[in-house]
Amino acid sequence: MPPYDFYKIVVLEKTWYALVASKFLPLEEGEFLWYIGIWLMLLTCSGLSRTDFWLTEMFDEQSNACPYNFNAYMSKRQFNAIKPVSYASQIKLCLSITAAFGDQMIEA
């Protein structure tokens, strides 16, 4: 796992600026960790659509087969607002990540 400073300075900050530029609410540190956790949970479940995880109906094996409800952690709108950056931005991000990680390793 990369150092915490790297996560906070590079990854969280770039995501925060992308959301603000898209006129969404800025992302807090805890919300970003929820976002990663929700993605990990989505990846472990098969046979359900992404919208099933934000249904407000109670769990029922016949009508609502998804036993999870992510509304308590993050709204679907906020979850969908967090998007990967464009390809050109990814190259710049990769360069900044490499530089930040190298600086972190030199200090250690």
C-alpha atoms as a PDB file:
ATOM      1  CA  MET A   1       0.000   0.000   0.000  1.00  0.00           C
ATOM      2  CA  PRO A   2       1.388   3.417  -0.895  1.00  0.00           C
ATOM      3  CA  PRO A   3       2.199   5.743   1.988  1.00  0.00           C
ATOM      4  CA  TYR A   4      -0.655   7.687   3.503  1.00  0.00           C
ATOM      5  CA  ASP A   5       0.796  11.052   2.477  1.00  0.00           C
ATOM      6  CA  PHE A   6       0.847   9.910  -1.143  1.00  0.00           C
ATOM      7  CA  TYR A   7      -2.816   8.900  -0.960  1.00  0.00           C
ATOM      8  CA  LYS A   8      -3.836  12.133   0.734  1.00  0.00           C
ATOM      9  CA  ILE A   9      -1.760  14.564  -1.342  1.00  0.00           C
ATOM     10  CA  VAL A  10      -2.017  13.028  -4.808  1.00  0.00           C
ATOM     11  CA  VAL A  11      -5.059  10.763  -5.129  1.00  0.00           C
ATOM     12  CA  LEU A  12      -7.524  12.530  -2.842  1.00  0.00           C
ATOM     13  CA  GLU A  13      -6.533  16.011  -3.982  1.00  0.00           C
ATOM     14  CA  LYS A  14      -6.867  15.186  -7.709  1.00  0.00           C
ATOM     15  CA  THR A  15     -10.267  13.592  -7.110  1.00  0.00           C
ATOM     16  CA  TRP A  16     -11.385  16.594  -5.041  1.00  0.00           C
ATOM     17  CA  TYR A  17     -10.443  19.082  -7.781  1.00  0.00           C
ATOM     18  CA  ALA A  18     -12.147  16.973 -10.482  1.00  0.00           C
ATOM     19  CA  LEU A  19     -15.410  16.924  -8.499  1.00  0.00           C
ATOM     20  CA  VAL A  20     -15.344  20.648  -7.776  1.00  0.00           C
ATOM     21  CA  ALA A  21     -14.624  21.384 -11.451  1.00  0.00           C
ATOM     22  CA  SER A  22     -17.683  19.281 -12.367  1.00  0.00           C
ATOM     23  CA  LYS A  23     -19.794  21.325  -9.903  1.00  0.00           C
ATOM     24  CA  PHE A  24     -20.244  18.515  -7.402  1.00  0.00           C
ATOM     25  CA  LEU A  25     -19.671  18.660  -3.689  1.00  0.00           C
ATOM     26  CA  PRO A  26     -16.035  18.214  -2.698  1.00  0.00           C
ATOM     27  CA  LEU A  27     -15.084  14.791  -1.459  1.00  0.00           C
ATOM     28  CA  GLU A  28     -14.002  14.328   2.130  1.00  0.00           C
ATOM     29  CA  GLU A  29     -11.286  11.888   3.091  1.00  0.00           C
ATOM     30  CA  GLY A  30     -13.672   9.409   4.705  1.00  0.00           C
ATOM     31  CA  GLU A  31     -16.029   9.520   1.737  1.00  0.00           C
ATOM     32  CA  PHE A  32     -13.219   8.517  -0.598  1.00  0.00           C
ATOM     33  CA  LEU A  33     -12.491   5.496   1.571  1.00  0.00           C
ATOM     34  CA  TRP A  34     -16.212   4.620   1.457  1.00  0.00           C
ATOM     35  CA  TYR A  35     -16.055   4.944  -2.340  1.00  0.00           C
ATOM     36  CA  ILE A  36     -13.188   2.457  -2.537  1.00  0.00           C
ATOM     37  CA  GLY A  37     -14.979   0.109  -0.141  1.00  0.00           C
ATOM     38  CA  ILE A  38     -18.210   0.254  -2.153  1.00  0.00           C
ATOM     39  CA  TRP A  39     -16.294  -0.625  -5.322  1.00  0.00           C
ATOM     40  CA  LEU A  40     -14.681  -3.581  -3.579  1.00  0.00           C
ATOM     41  CA  MET A  41     -18.111  -4.762  -2.439  1.00  0.00           C
ATOM     42  CA  LEU A  42     -19.582  -4.319  -5.935  1.00  0.00           C
ATOM     43  CA  LEU A  43     -16.757  -6.389  -7.399  1.00  0.00           C
ATOM     44  CA  THR A  44     -17.488  -9.305  -5.078  1.00  0.00           C
ATOM     45  CA  CYS A  45     -21.201  -9.503  -5.939  1.00  0.00           C
ATOM     46  CA  SER A  46     -22.431 -10.993  -9.199  1.00  0.00           C
ATOM     47  CA  GLY A  47     -25.859 -11.075 -10.800  1.00  0.00           C
ATOM     48  CA  LEU A  48     -26.937  -7.653  -9.533  1.00  0.00           C
ATOM     49  CA  SER A  49     -26.932  -4.310 -11.290  1.00  0.00           C
ATOM     50  CA  ARG A  50     -25.261  -1.293  -9.743  1.00  0.00           C
ATOM     51  CA  THR A  51     -28.638   0.374  -9.121  1.00  0.00           C
ATOM     52  CA  ASP A  52     -29.779  -2.594  -7.000  1.00  0.00           C
ATOM     53  CA  PHE A  53     -27.363  -1.510  -4.275  1.00  0.00           C
ATOM     54  CA  TRP A  54     -29.132   1.840  -3.830  1.00  0.00           C
ATOM     55  CA  LEU A  55     -32.747   0.640  -3.769  1.00  0.00           C
ATOM     56  CA  THR A  56     -34.755   1.847  -0.803  1.00  0.00           C
ATOM     57  CA  GLU A  57     -36.885  -1.295  -0.616  1.00  0.00           C
ATOM     58  CA  MET A  58     -36.337  -3.794   2.173  1.00  0.00           C
ATOM     59  CA  PHE A  59     -34.496  -7.014   1.360  1.00  0.00           C
ATOM     60  CA  ASP A  60     -36.743  -9.702  -0.103  1.00  0.00           C
ATOM     61  CA  GLU A  61     -35.392 -12.759  -1.912  1.00  0.00           C
ATOM     62  CA  GLN A  62     -38.070 -12.595  -4.596  1.00  0.00           C
ATOM     63  CA  SER A  63     -38.540  -8.898  -5.326  1.00  0.00           C
ATOM     64  CA  ASN A  64     -35.276  -7.307  -4.079  1.00  0.00           C
ATOM     65  CA  ALA A  65     -32.500  -9.862  -4.048  1.00  0.00           C
ATOM     66  CA  CYS A  66     -29.785  -7.399  -3.076  1.00  0.00           C
ATOM     67  CA  PRO A  67     -29.164  -7.595   0.683  1.00  0.00           C
ATOM     68  CA  TYR A  68     -27.005  -4.433   0.710  1.00  0.00           C
ATOM     69  CA  ASN A  69     -28.080  -0.806   0.741  1.00  0.00           C
ATOM     70  CA  PHE A  70     -25.333   1.785   0.244  1.00  0.00           C
ATOM     71  CA  ASN A  71     -27.571   4.837   0.768  1.00  0.00           C
ATOM     72  CA  ALA A  72     -26.382   5.099   4.363  1.00  0.00           C
ATOM     73  CA  TYR A  73     -22.768   5.457   3.215  1.00  0.00           C
ATOM     74  CA  MET A  74     -22.917   7.477  -0.015  1.00  0.00           C
ATOM     75  CA  SER A  75     -25.633   8.672  -2.345  1.00  0.00           C
ATOM     76  CA  LYS A  76     -25.787   7.121  -5.784  1.00  0.00           C
ATOM     77  CA  ARG A  77     -25.407  10.574  -7.337  1.00  0.00           C
ATOM     78  CA  GLN A  78     -22.164  11.242  -5.432  1.00  0.00           C
ATOM     79  CA  PHE A  79     -20.870   7.737  -6.221  1.00  0.00           C
ATOM     80  CA  ASN A  80     -21.504   8.216  -9.945  1.00  0.00           C
ATOM     81  CA  ALA A  81     -19.957  11.702  -9.872  1.00  0.00           C
ATOM     82  CA  ILE A  82     -16.558  10.270  -8.970  1.00  0.00           C
ATOM     83  CA  LYS A  83     -15.159   9.323 -12.358  1.00  0.00           C
ATOM     84  CA  PRO A  84     -11.740   8.393 -13.645  1.00  0.00           C
ATOM     85  CA  VAL A  85      -9.827  11.251 -15.218  1.00  0.00           C
ATOM     86  CA  SER A  86      -9.267  11.441 -18.983  1.00  0.00           C
ATOM     87  CA  TYR A  87      -6.417   9.610 -20.698  1.00  0.00           C
ATOM     88  CA  ALA A  88      -4.255  12.742 -21.040  1.00  0.00           C
ATOM     89  CA  SER A  89      -4.847  13.549 -17.394  1.00  0.00           C
ATOM     90  CA  GLN A  90      -3.905   9.985 -16.452  1.00  0.00           C
ATOM     91  CA  ILE A  91      -0.460  10.446 -17.981  1.00  0.00           C
ATOM     92  CA  LYS A  92       0.050  13.662 -16.002  1.00  0.00           C
ATOM     93  CA  LEU A  93      -1.322  11.970 -12.897  1.00  0.00           C
ATOM     94  CA  CYS A  94       0.993   9.001 -13.395  1.00  0.00           C
ATOM     95  CA  LEU A  95       3.984  11.326 -13.639  1.00  0.00           C
ATOM     96  CA  SER A  96       2.959  13.196 -10.494  1.00  0.00           C
ATOM     97  CA  ILE A  97       2.330   9.897  -8.684  1.00  0.00           C
ATOM     98  CA  THR A  98       5.777   8.623  -9.638  1.00  0.00           C
ATOM     99  CA  ALA A  99       7.406  11.861  -8.508  1.00  0.00           C
ATOM    100  CA  ALA A 100       5.468  11.971  -5.226  1.00  0.00           C
ATOM    101  CA  PHE A 101       6.155   8.313  -4.476  1.00  0.00           C
ATOM    102  CA  GLY A 102       9.860   8.756  -5.287  1.00  0.00           C
ATOM    103  CA  ASP A 103      10.068  11.777  -2.985  1.00  0.00           C
ATOM    104  CA  GLN A 104       8.351   9.784  -0.250  1.00  0.00           C
ATOM    105  CA  MET A 105      10.840   6.920  -0.624  1.00  0.00           C
ATOM    106  CA  ILE A 106      13.826   9.282  -0.519  1.00  0.00           C
ATOM    107  CA  GLU A 107      12.557  10.769   2.767  1.00  0.00           C
ATOM    108  CA  ALA A 108      12.066   7.318   4.301  1.00  0.00           C
END
